[in-house]
C-alpha atoms as a PDB file:
ATOM      1  CA  MET A   1    -100.324 -40.250-122.485  1.00  0.00           C
ATOM      2  CA  GLY A   2     -99.508 -41.511-119.009  1.00  0.00           C
ATOM      3  CA  LYS A   3     -96.292 -43.419-118.393  1.00  0.00           C
ATOM      4  CA  TYR A   4     -96.058 -46.138-115.768  1.00  0.00           C
ATOM      5  CA  VAL A   5     -93.832 -48.951-114.587  1.00  0.00           C
ATOM      6  CA  MET A   6     -95.367 -52.217-113.462  1.00  0.00           C
ATOM      7  CA  VAL A   7     -93.111 -53.938-110.927  1.00  0.00           C
ATOM      8  CA  VAL A   8     -93.684 -57.656-110.457  1.00  0.00           C
ATOM      9  CA  GLN A   9     -91.803 -59.749-107.912  1.00  0.00           C
ATOM     10  CA  SER A  10     -91.799 -63.526-107.978  1.00  0.00           C
ATOM     11  CA  SER A  11     -89.853 -66.683-107.212  1.00  0.00           C
ATOM     12  CA  ALA A  12     -89.819 -70.194-108.573  1.00  0.00           C
ATOM     13  CA  LYS A  13     -90.802 -73.187-106.488  1.00  0.00           C
ATOM     14  CA  GLU A  14     -87.813 -74.858-104.821  1.00  0.00           C
ATOM     15  CA  GLY A  15     -85.475 -76.376-107.419  1.00  0.00           C
ATOM     16  CA  ARG A  16     -87.486 -75.174-110.426  1.00  0.00           C
ATOM     17  CA  ASP A  17     -85.726 -71.921-111.345  1.00  0.00           C
ATOM     18  CA  ASP A  18     -84.630 -73.102-114.809  1.00  0.00           C
ATOM     19  CA  GLU A  19     -88.163 -74.163-115.758  1.00  0.00           C
ATOM     20  CA  TYR A  20     -89.646 -70.972-114.323  1.00  0.00           C
ATOM     21  CA  ASN A  21     -87.191 -68.684-116.111  1.00  0.00           C
ATOM     22  CA  GLU A  22     -87.704 -70.490-119.430  1.00  0.00           C
ATOM     23  CA  TRP A  23     -91.486 -70.007-119.110  1.00  0.00           C
ATOM     24  CA  TYR A  24     -91.157 -66.361-118.058  1.00  0.00           C
ATOM     25  CA  ASP A  25     -88.684 -65.438-120.805  1.00  0.00           C
ATOM     26  CA  THR A  26     -90.225 -67.334-123.719  1.00  0.00           C
ATOM     27  CA  ILE A  27     -93.944 -67.273-122.915  1.00  0.00           C
ATOM     28  CA  HIS A  28     -95.149 -65.093-120.030  1.00  0.00           C
ATOM     29  CA  ALA A  29     -93.318 -61.817-120.681  1.00  0.00           C
ATOM     30  CA  ARG A  30     -94.329 -61.957-124.364  1.00  0.00           C
ATOM     31  CA  GLU A  31     -97.970 -62.567-123.473  1.00  0.00           C
ATOM     32  CA  ILE A  32     -97.966 -59.641-121.041  1.00  0.00           C
ATOM     33  CA  CYS A  33     -96.228 -57.374-123.576  1.00  0.00           C
ATOM     34  CA  SER A  34     -98.955 -58.213-126.119  1.00  0.00           C
ATOM     35  CA  VAL A  35    -101.414 -56.160-124.028  1.00  0.00           C
ATOM     36  CA  PRO A  36    -101.785 -52.788-125.794  1.00  0.00           C
ATOM     37  CA  GLY A  37     -99.831 -50.166-123.869  1.00  0.00           C
ATOM     38  CA  ILE A  38     -97.257 -52.538-122.342  1.00  0.00           C
ATOM     39  CA  LEU A  39     -94.071 -51.734-124.213  1.00  0.00           C
ATOM     40  CA  THR A  40     -91.172 -53.675-122.691  1.00  0.00           C
ATOM     41  CA  CYS A  41     -90.183 -56.136-119.999  1.00  0.00           C
ATOM     42  CA  ARG A  42     -86.876 -56.073-118.148  1.00  0.00           C
ATOM     43  CA  ARG A  43     -86.074 -58.902-115.706  1.00  0.00           C
ATOM     44  CA  LEU A  44     -83.674 -58.815-112.775  1.00  0.00           C
ATOM     45  CA  LYS A  45     -82.356 -61.449-110.366  1.00  0.00           C
ATOM     46  CA  ALA A  46     -81.844 -60.648-106.677  1.00  0.00           C
ATOM     47  CA  THR A  47     -78.439 -60.552-105.067  1.00  0.00           C
ATOM     48  CA  PRO A  48     -77.834 -61.383-101.391  1.00  0.00           C
ATOM     49  CA  ILE A  49     -77.299 -57.676-100.664  1.00  0.00           C
ATOM     50  CA  ALA A  50     -80.501 -56.350 -99.075  1.00  0.00           C
ATOM     51  CA  ILE A  51     -81.634 -54.065 -96.272  1.00  0.00           C
ATOM     52  CA  PRO A  52     -83.329 -55.289 -94.135  1.00  0.00           C
ATOM     53  CA  THR A  53     -84.060 -58.650 -95.825  1.00  0.00           C
ATOM     54  CA  PRO A  54     -84.035 -59.970 -99.394  1.00  0.00           C
ATOM     55  CA  GLY A  55     -87.231 -59.865-101.419  1.00  0.00           C
ATOM     56  CA  ALA A  56     -88.349 -62.401-104.002  1.00  0.00           C
ATOM     57  CA  ALA A  57     -85.743 -63.984-106.274  1.00  0.00           C
ATOM     58  CA  TYR A  58     -86.825 -62.028-109.373  1.00  0.00           C
ATOM     59  CA  ILE A  59     -88.412 -58.755-110.348  1.00  0.00           C
ATOM     60  CA  SER A  60     -89.751 -57.726-113.726  1.00  0.00           C
ATOM     61  CA  LEU A  61     -90.129 -54.113-114.786  1.00  0.00           C
ATOM     62  CA  TYR A  62     -92.716 -53.449-117.476  1.00  0.00           C
ATOM     63  CA  GLU A  63     -92.792 -50.045-119.185  1.00  0.00           C
ATOM     64  CA  ILE A  64     -96.337 -48.898-119.883  1.00  0.00           C
ATOM     65  CA  GLU A  65     -97.834 -45.988-121.829  1.00  0.00           C
ATOM     66  CA  THR A  66    -101.593 -45.575-121.587  1.00  0.00           C
ATOM     67  CA  ASP A  67    -104.305 -43.014-121.029  1.00  0.00           C
ATOM     68  CA  ASN A  68    -106.172 -45.427-118.747  1.00  0.00           C
ATOM     69  CA  ILE A  69    -104.101 -47.650-116.454  1.00  0.00           C
ATOM     70  CA  GLY A  70    -107.258 -49.104-114.902  1.00  0.00           C
ATOM     71  CA  ALA A  71    -108.516 -50.297-118.290  1.00  0.00           C
ATOM     72  CA  LEU A  72    -105.123 -51.815-119.068  1.00  0.00           C
ATOM     73  CA  MET A  73    -105.144 -53.759-115.803  1.00  0.00           C
ATOM     74  CA  THR A  74    -108.729 -54.860-116.481  1.00  0.00           C
ATOM     75  CA  GLU A  75    -107.631 -56.190-119.881  1.00  0.00           C
ATOM     76  CA  MET A  76    -104.774 -58.124-118.265  1.00  0.00           C
ATOM     77  CA  GLY A  77    -107.256 -59.670-115.830  1.00  0.00           C
ATOM     78  CA  ARG A  78    -109.702 -60.477-118.620  1.00  0.00           C
ATOM     79  CA  ARG A  79    -107.004 -62.271-120.616  1.00  0.00           C
ATOM     80  CA  SER A  80    -105.977 -64.294-117.592  1.00  0.00           C
ATOM     81  CA  ALA A  81    -109.573 -65.263-116.741  1.00  0.00           C
ATOM     82  CA  ALA A  82    -110.259 -66.194-120.381  1.00  0.00           C
ATOM     83  CA  GLY A  83    -107.288 -68.574-120.470  1.00  0.00           C
ATOM     84  CA  GLU A  84    -105.394 -66.379-122.946  1.00  0.00           C
ATOM     85  CA  GLN A  85    -102.271 -66.474-120.773  1.00  0.00           C
ATOM     86  CA  THR A  86    -100.226 -69.612-120.276  1.00  0.00           C
ATOM     87  CA  PRO A  87     -99.834 -70.533-116.584  1.00  0.00           C
ATOM     88  CA  THR A  88     -97.001 -72.529-115.012  1.00  0.00           C
ATOM     89  CA  ASP A  89     -96.934 -74.605-111.869  1.00  0.00           C
ATOM     90  CA  SER A  90     -93.246 -73.687-111.344  1.00  0.00           C
ATOM     91  CA  LEU A  91     -94.255 -70.281-109.882  1.00  0.00           C
ATOM     92  CA  ASP A  92     -94.266 -69.942-106.096  1.00  0.00           C
ATOM     93  CA  LYS A  93     -97.571 -68.049-105.922  1.00  0.00           C
ATOM     94  CA  SER A  94     -96.928 -66.913-102.364  1.00  0.00           C
ATOM     95  CA  SER A  95     -93.958 -64.867-103.617  1.00  0.00           C
ATOM     96  CA  ALA A  96     -95.847 -63.033-106.357  1.00  0.00           C
ATOM     97  CA  ALA A  97     -96.755 -59.368-105.987  1.00  0.00           C
ATOM     98  CA  LEU A  98     -97.446 -56.524-108.414  1.00  0.00           C
ATOM     99  CA  TRP A  99     -97.239 -52.748-108.069  1.00  0.00           C
ATOM    100  CA  ILE A 100     -97.927 -49.945-110.540  1.00  0.00           C
ATOM    101  CA  TYR A 101     -95.835 -46.778-110.335  1.00  0.00           C
ATOM    102  CA  GLU A 102     -96.585 -43.604-112.256  1.00  0.00           C
ATOM    103  CA  ASP A 103     -93.573 -42.049-114.006  1.00  0.00           C
ATOM    104  CA  MET A 104     -92.793 -38.683-112.449  1.00  0.00           C
ATOM    105  CA  SER A 105     -89.814 -37.866-114.715  1.00  0.00           C
ATOM    106  CA  LEU A 106     -89.670 -34.386-116.123  1.00  0.00           C
ATOM    107  CA  ALA A 107     -90.079 -34.192-119.890  1.00  0.00           C
ATOM    108  CA  GLY A 108     -87.464 -32.570-121.932  1.00  0.00           C
END
């Protein structure tokens, strides 16, 4: 079984951090973690310490275990397109980005 981390960066629209964080914590992260293979979500808030420049205000780290990361991502896209995920207009879409990293840790 392959192990991965999905890294998602994002920011709220100006002045809407509370609304955005409420949506992410109570709705969005749970909907994403309902996709088979996505095990956990850990959220982090940026500090002003950055080299060379700060990134988005928030990152989320999702732990994933799957034999087919492409199929998992396809299922996430299908759920979004089918309206099975709850959107918010408090997200600054220009700040959003997603990366998948394969776990290279040694077993044992």
